[in-house]
Amino acid sequence: MDTATSPDRGELTYRDAVPADVPGLVALIESAYRGESSRTGWTTEADILDGRRTDTEGVTAVITAPGSRLLVAERDGTLVACCQLEHRGDAAYFGMFAVRPGLQGAGLGRTVIAEAERRAALSWGVREMHMTVITVREELIAWYERRGYRRTGTLSPFPYGDERFGIPQRDDLAFELLVKRLG
């Protein structure tokens, strides 16, 4: 377990998630992206996707897969953020990023992503961080660009018909690969 000072208040504690964390992680991720609770923050996908963002099986798979970890950020023992890191050769994949909606906009996300980048570079010696973002999420993409990520123009189709990714409310969804050079 490691700690770091948060830019808004209190100390953040980081650790890798364990199976006992799964229910709390599913609730955090859902609250950040789906339903009315997600509208408290700015990362909501409620206007473009209905249904679930993840489930117990999906979070458990991230925690238990070789070369994968789910980094948990806590403040005073309370889960406040998480993100997936997956080792993929010379790069790490960053995903399943969630910050408690009421804490968004105060620098917590910026702190967590910087810690994730640091840990990926230190643990795996990777030179790049990769992620995919839904292309219509322009405000979110701009936030990542301010963190040093660049749009690649490499698109992959949204998995229409696979409700594990949500129920699309529009027909123009795709993912774009964003990349950041580390170190």
C-alpha atoms as a PDB file:
ATOM      1  CA  MET A   1       0.000   0.000   0.000  1.00  0.00           C
ATOM      2  CA  ASP A   2       1.326   3.416  -0.982  1.00  0.00           C
ATOM      3  CA  THR A   3       0.148   6.895  -0.152  1.00  0.00           C
ATOM      4  CA  ALA A   4       0.307  10.274  -1.863  1.00  0.00           C
ATOM      5  CA  THR A   5      -1.054  13.692  -1.051  1.00  0.00           C
ATOM      6  CA  SER A   6      -4.175  14.605  -2.991  1.00  0.00           C
ATOM      7  CA  PRO A   7      -4.528  18.081  -4.483  1.00  0.00           C
ATOM      8  CA  ASP A   8      -7.901  18.725  -2.850  1.00  0.00           C
ATOM      9  CA  ARG A   9      -7.848  17.281   0.673  1.00  0.00           C
ATOM     10  CA  GLY A  10      -6.523  14.388   2.675  1.00  0.00           C
ATOM     11  CA  GLU A  11      -4.183  11.623   1.782  1.00  0.00           C
ATOM     12  CA  LEU A  12      -4.863   9.082  -0.943  1.00  0.00           C
ATOM     13  CA  THR A  13      -3.958   5.474  -0.385  1.00  0.00           C
ATOM     14  CA  TYR A  14      -3.324   3.275  -3.431  1.00  0.00           C
ATOM     15  CA  ARG A  15      -3.460  -0.496  -3.604  1.00  0.00           C
ATOM     16  CA  ASP A  16      -4.324  -3.290  -5.988  1.00  0.00           C
ATOM     17  CA  ALA A  17      -7.928  -4.442  -5.741  1.00  0.00           C
ATOM     18  CA  VAL A  18      -8.762  -7.837  -4.283  1.00  0.00           C
ATOM     19  CA  PRO A  19     -11.889  -9.957  -4.859  1.00  0.00           C
ATOM     20  CA  ALA A  20     -13.540  -8.586  -1.691  1.00  0.00           C
ATOM     21  CA  ASP A  21     -13.487  -5.122  -3.334  1.00  0.00           C
ATOM     22  CA  VAL A  22     -15.611  -6.174  -6.322  1.00  0.00           C
ATOM     23  CA  PRO A  23     -19.073  -5.057  -5.074  1.00  0.00           C
ATOM     24  CA  GLY A  24     -17.784  -1.606  -4.107  1.00  0.00           C
ATOM     25  CA  LEU A  25     -15.877  -1.252  -7.376  1.00  0.00           C
ATOM     26  CA  VAL A  26     -18.904  -2.191  -9.483  1.00  0.00           C
ATOM     27  CA  ALA A  27     -20.976   0.381  -7.584  1.00  0.00           C
ATOM     28  CA  LEU A  28     -18.297   3.075  -8.044  1.00  0.00           C
ATOM     29  CA  ILE A  29     -17.910   2.450 -11.776  1.00  0.00           C
ATOM     30  CA  GLU A  30     -21.669   2.369 -12.339  1.00  0.00           C
ATOM     31  CA  SER A  31     -22.162   5.577 -10.356  1.00  0.00           C
ATOM     32  CA  ALA A  32     -19.546   7.406 -12.436  1.00  0.00           C
ATOM     33  CA  TYR A  33     -20.991   6.478 -15.840  1.00  0.00           C
ATOM     34  CA  ARG A  34     -24.610   5.342 -15.741  1.00  0.00           C
ATOM     35  CA  GLY A  35     -27.912   6.453 -14.322  1.00  0.00           C
ATOM     36  CA  GLU A  36     -28.947   9.577 -12.458  1.00  0.00           C
ATOM     37  CA  SER A  37     -26.117   9.397  -9.907  1.00  0.00           C
ATOM     38  CA  SER A  38     -23.606   9.785 -12.745  1.00  0.00           C
ATOM     39  CA  ARG A  39     -25.074  13.186 -13.639  1.00  0.00           C
ATOM     40  CA  THR A  40     -23.566  14.600 -10.424  1.00  0.00           C
ATOM     41  CA  GLY A  41     -20.149  14.369 -12.090  1.00  0.00           C
ATOM     42  CA  TRP A  42     -19.062  15.255 -15.601  1.00  0.00           C
ATOM     43  CA  THR A  43     -18.014  11.782 -16.834  1.00  0.00           C
ATOM     44  CA  THR A  44     -21.556  10.494 -17.291  1.00  0.00           C
ATOM     45  CA  GLU A  45     -22.440   8.415 -20.330  1.00  0.00           C
ATOM     46  CA  ALA A  46     -26.132   8.446 -19.375  1.00  0.00           C
ATOM     47  CA  ASP A  47     -27.119  10.380 -22.508  1.00  0.00           C
ATOM     48  CA  ILE A  48     -25.436   7.989 -24.925  1.00  0.00           C
ATOM     49  CA  LEU A  49     -25.696   4.593 -23.186  1.00  0.00           C
ATOM     50  CA  ASP A  50     -28.243   2.888 -20.965  1.00  0.00           C
ATOM     51  CA  GLY A  51     -27.751  -0.375 -19.152  1.00  0.00           C
ATOM     52  CA  ARG A  52     -24.710  -1.409 -17.181  1.00  0.00           C
ATOM     53  CA  ARG A  53     -21.138  -0.158 -17.569  1.00  0.00           C
ATOM     54  CA  THR A  54     -19.668  -3.265 -15.943  1.00  0.00           C
ATOM     55  CA  ASP A  55     -20.603  -6.155 -13.709  1.00  0.00           C
ATOM     56  CA  THR A  56     -19.155  -8.462 -11.070  1.00  0.00           C
ATOM     57  CA  GLU A  57     -17.686 -10.811 -13.679  1.00  0.00           C
ATOM     58  CA  GLY A  58     -16.005  -8.008 -15.625  1.00  0.00           C
ATOM     59  CA  VAL A  59     -14.386  -6.452 -12.564  1.00  0.00           C
ATOM     60  CA  THR A  60     -13.311  -9.853 -11.231  1.00  0.00           C
ATOM     61  CA  ALA A  61     -11.700 -10.661 -14.593  1.00  0.00           C
ATOM     62  CA  VAL A  62      -9.620  -7.457 -14.458  1.00  0.00           C
ATOM     63  CA  ILE A  63      -8.480  -8.201 -10.908  1.00  0.00           C
ATOM     64  CA  THR A  64      -7.510 -11.821 -11.569  1.00  0.00           C
ATOM     65  CA  ALA A  65      -6.125 -11.781 -15.134  1.00  0.00           C
ATOM     66  CA  PRO A  66      -2.352 -12.208 -15.520  1.00  0.00           C
ATOM     67  CA  GLY A  67      -0.669  -8.907 -16.418  1.00  0.00           C
ATOM     68  CA  SER A  68      -3.687  -6.951 -15.212  1.00  0.00           C
ATOM     69  CA  ARG A  69      -4.505  -4.988 -12.089  1.00  0.00           C
ATOM     70  CA  LEU A  70      -7.240  -2.730 -10.852  1.00  0.00           C
ATOM     71  CA  LEU A  71      -5.680   0.152  -8.954  1.00  0.00           C
ATOM     72  CA  VAL A  72      -7.842   1.415  -6.080  1.00  0.00           C
ATOM     73  CA  ALA A  73      -7.571   4.910  -4.592  1.00  0.00           C
ATOM     74  CA  GLU A  74      -8.984   5.409  -1.101  1.00  0.00           C
ATOM     75  CA  ARG A  75      -9.245   8.391   1.202  1.00  0.00           C
ATOM     76  CA  ASP A  76      -9.820   7.708   4.883  1.00  0.00           C
ATOM     77  CA  GLY A  77     -10.661   4.086   4.023  1.00  0.00           C
ATOM     78  CA  THR A  78     -13.338   5.102   1.509  1.00  0.00           C
ATOM     79  CA  LEU A  79     -13.090   4.032  -2.130  1.00  0.00           C
ATOM     80  CA  VAL A  80     -12.880   7.236  -4.212  1.00  0.00           C
ATOM     81  CA  ALA A  81     -11.423   6.125  -7.565  1.00  0.00           C
ATOM     82  CA  CYS A  82     -10.120   3.164  -9.542  1.00  0.00           C
ATOM     83  CA  CYS A  83      -8.536   2.304 -12.865  1.00  0.00           C
ATOM     84  CA  GLN A  84      -7.504  -0.778 -14.801  1.00  0.00           C
ATOM     85  CA  LEU A  85      -3.913  -1.260 -15.891  1.00  0.00           C
ATOM     86  CA  GLU A  86      -3.034  -4.060 -18.288  1.00  0.00           C
ATOM     87  CA  HIS A  87       0.453  -4.897 -19.507  1.00  0.00           C
ATOM     88  CA  ARG A  88       0.552  -5.160 -23.314  1.00  0.00           C
ATOM     89  CA  GLY A  89       4.175  -5.485 -24.423  1.00  0.00           C
ATOM     90  CA  ASP A  90       5.809  -2.044 -24.680  1.00  0.00           C
ATOM     91  CA  ALA A  91       2.561  -0.363 -23.602  1.00  0.00           C
ATOM     92  CA  ALA A  92       0.057  -0.492 -20.801  1.00  0.00           C
ATOM     93  CA  TYR A  93      -3.672  -0.223 -21.355  1.00  0.00           C
ATOM     94  CA  PHE A  94      -5.593   2.186 -19.125  1.00  0.00           C
ATOM     95  CA  GLY A  95      -9.302   1.599 -18.626  1.00  0.00           C
ATOM     96  CA  MET A  96     -12.217   1.205 -16.235  1.00  0.00           C
ATOM     97  CA  PHE A  97     -11.332   4.642 -14.831  1.00  0.00           C
ATOM     98  CA  ALA A  98     -13.859   5.943 -12.342  1.00  0.00           C
ATOM     99  CA  VAL A  99     -13.908   8.773  -9.820  1.00  0.00           C
ATOM    100  CA  ARG A 100     -16.776   9.129  -7.354  1.00  0.00           C
ATOM    101  CA  PRO A 101     -19.135  11.653  -9.042  1.00  0.00           C
ATOM    102  CA  GLY A 102     -19.288  14.105  -6.127  1.00  0.00           C
ATOM    103  CA  LEU A 103     -15.478  14.325  -6.119  1.00  0.00           C
ATOM    104  CA  GLN A 104     -15.045  14.965  -9.843  1.00  0.00           C
ATOM    105  CA  GLY A 105     -13.647  18.280 -11.008  1.00  0.00           C
ATOM    106  CA  ALA A 106     -11.305  18.839  -8.042  1.00  0.00           C
ATOM    107  CA  GLY A 107      -8.102  17.258  -9.392  1.00  0.00           C
ATOM    108  CA  LEU A 108      -8.560  13.737  -8.035  1.00  0.00           C
ATOM    109  CA  GLY A 109      -8.734  12.160 -11.498  1.00  0.00           C
ATOM    110  CA  ARG A 110      -5.569  13.958 -12.590  1.00  0.00           C
ATOM    111  CA  THR A 111      -3.775  12.635  -9.488  1.00  0.00           C
ATOM    112  CA  VAL A 112      -4.966   9.050 -10.008  1.00  0.00           C
ATOM    113  CA  ILE A 113      -4.060   8.911 -13.707  1.00  0.00           C
ATOM    114  CA  ALA A 114      -0.566  10.278 -12.942  1.00  0.00           C
ATOM    115  CA  GLU A 115      -0.101   7.563 -10.315  1.00  0.00           C
ATOM    116  CA  ALA A 116      -1.336   4.902 -12.751  1.00  0.00           C
ATOM    117  CA  GLU A 117       1.161   6.076 -15.379  1.00  0.00           C
ATOM    118  CA  ARG A 118       3.969   6.057 -12.811  1.00  0.00           C
ATOM    119  CA  ARG A 119       3.110   2.544 -11.644  1.00  0.00           C
ATOM    120  CA  ALA A 120       2.811   1.142 -15.177  1.00  0.00           C
ATOM    121  CA  ALA A 121       6.210   2.548 -16.156  1.00  0.00           C
ATOM    122  CA  LEU A 122       7.846   1.385 -12.921  1.00  0.00           C
ATOM    123  CA  SER A 123       6.243  -2.085 -12.755  1.00  0.00           C
ATOM    124  CA  TRP A 124       6.406  -3.065 -16.403  1.00  0.00           C
ATOM    125  CA  GLY A 125       8.949  -0.714 -17.949  1.00  0.00           C
ATOM    126  CA  VAL A 126       6.385   0.353 -20.558  1.00  0.00           C
ATOM    127  CA  ARG A 127       6.989   3.387 -22.723  1.00  0.00           C
ATOM    128  CA  GLU A 128       3.404   4.204 -23.629  1.00  0.00           C
ATOM    129  CA  MET A 129      -0.050   4.234 -22.099  1.00  0.00           C
ATOM    130  CA  HIS A 130      -2.960   3.370 -24.396  1.00  0.00           C
ATOM    131  CA  MET A 131      -6.680   3.809 -23.883  1.00  0.00           C
ATOM    132  CA  THR A 132      -9.832   3.844 -25.943  1.00  0.00           C
ATOM    133  CA  VAL A 133     -12.535   6.489 -25.578  1.00  0.00           C
ATOM    134  CA  ILE A 134     -15.929   6.755 -27.245  1.00  0.00           C
ATOM    135  CA  THR A 135     -15.410   9.329 -30.010  1.00  0.00           C
ATOM    136  CA  VAL A 136     -18.502  11.402 -29.185  1.00  0.00           C
ATOM    137  CA  ARG A 137     -17.080  12.056 -25.686  1.00  0.00           C
ATOM    138  CA  GLU A 138     -15.306  15.223 -26.883  1.00  0.00           C
ATOM    139  CA  GLU A 139     -15.072  16.828 -23.416  1.00  0.00           C
ATOM    140  CA  LEU A 140     -13.492  13.680 -21.974  1.00  0.00           C
ATOM    141  CA  ILE A 141     -11.068  13.347 -24.901  1.00  0.00           C
ATOM    142  CA  ALA A 142     -10.067  17.005 -24.416  1.00  0.00           C
ATOM    143  CA  TRP A 143      -9.410  16.265 -20.712  1.00  0.00           C
ATOM    144  CA  TYR A 144      -7.091  13.392 -21.674  1.00  0.00           C
ATOM    145  CA  GLU A 145      -5.361  15.594 -24.258  1.00  0.00           C
ATOM    146  CA  ARG A 146      -4.604  18.096 -21.491  1.00  0.00           C
ATOM    147  CA  ARG A 147      -2.969  15.191 -19.630  1.00  0.00           C
ATOM    148  CA  GLY A 148      -0.654  14.534 -22.622  1.00  0.00           C
ATOM    149  CA  TYR A 149      -2.647  11.906 -24.544  1.00  0.00           C
ATOM    150  CA  ARG A 150      -2.937  12.275 -28.290  1.00  0.00           C
ATOM    151  CA  ARG A 151      -5.645  11.156 -30.642  1.00  0.00           C
ATOM    152  CA  THR A 152      -4.417   8.579 -33.125  1.00  0.00           C
ATOM    153  CA  GLY A 153      -7.371   8.420 -35.503  1.00  0.00           C
ATOM    154  CA  THR A 154      -7.356   4.640 -35.016  1.00  0.00           C
ATOM    155  CA  LEU A 155     -10.984   3.652 -34.539  1.00  0.00           C
ATOM    156  CA  SER A 156     -12.623   0.430 -33.473  1.00  0.00           C
ATOM    157  CA  PRO A 157     -16.340  -0.261 -33.723  1.00  0.00           C
ATOM    158  CA  PHE A 158     -18.639  -0.034 -30.734  1.00  0.00           C
ATOM    159  CA  PRO A 159     -19.912  -3.541 -29.899  1.00  0.00           C
ATOM    160  CA  TYR A 160     -23.558  -2.934 -30.785  1.00  0.00           C
ATOM    161  CA  GLY A 161     -25.745  -5.805 -29.615  1.00  0.00           C
ATOM    162  CA  ASP A 162     -23.441  -6.761 -26.726  1.00  0.00           C
ATOM    163  CA  GLU A 163     -25.228  -5.364 -23.690  1.00  0.00           C
ATOM    164  CA  ARG A 164     -22.143  -5.932 -21.515  1.00  0.00           C
ATOM    165  CA  PHE A 165     -20.978  -2.581 -22.947  1.00  0.00           C
ATOM    166  CA  GLY A 166     -24.299  -0.823 -22.459  1.00  0.00           C
ATOM    167  CA  ILE A 167     -27.360  -0.173 -24.573  1.00  0.00           C
ATOM    168  CA  PRO A 168     -26.518   2.522 -27.149  1.00  0.00           C
ATOM    169  CA  GLN A 169     -28.875   5.487 -27.492  1.00  0.00           C
ATOM    170  CA  ARG A 170     -27.368   6.518 -30.828  1.00  0.00           C
ATOM    171  CA  ASP A 171     -25.953   4.787 -33.905  1.00  0.00           C
ATOM    172  CA  ASP A 172     -22.658   6.671 -34.359  1.00  0.00           C
ATOM    173  CA  LEU A 173     -20.559   5.253 -31.531  1.00  0.00           C
ATOM    174  CA  ALA A 174     -16.970   4.094 -32.020  1.00  0.00           C
ATOM    175  CA  PHE A 175     -13.818   3.958 -29.916  1.00  0.00           C
ATOM    176  CA  GLU A 176     -10.666   5.952 -30.667  1.00  0.00           C
ATOM    177  CA  LEU A 177      -7.232   4.934 -29.472  1.00  0.00           C
ATOM    178  CA  LEU A 178      -5.452   7.604 -27.404  1.00  0.00           C
ATOM    179  CA  VAL A 179      -1.732   7.251 -26.655  1.00  0.00           C
ATOM    180  CA  LYS A 180       0.682   8.946 -24.269  1.00  0.00           C
ATOM    181  CA  ARG A 181       4.446   8.538 -24.264  1.00  0.00           C
ATOM    182  CA  LEU A 182       5.662   7.852 -20.700  1.00  0.00           C
ATOM    183  CA  GLY A 183       8.944   8.940 -19.164  1.00  0.00           C
END
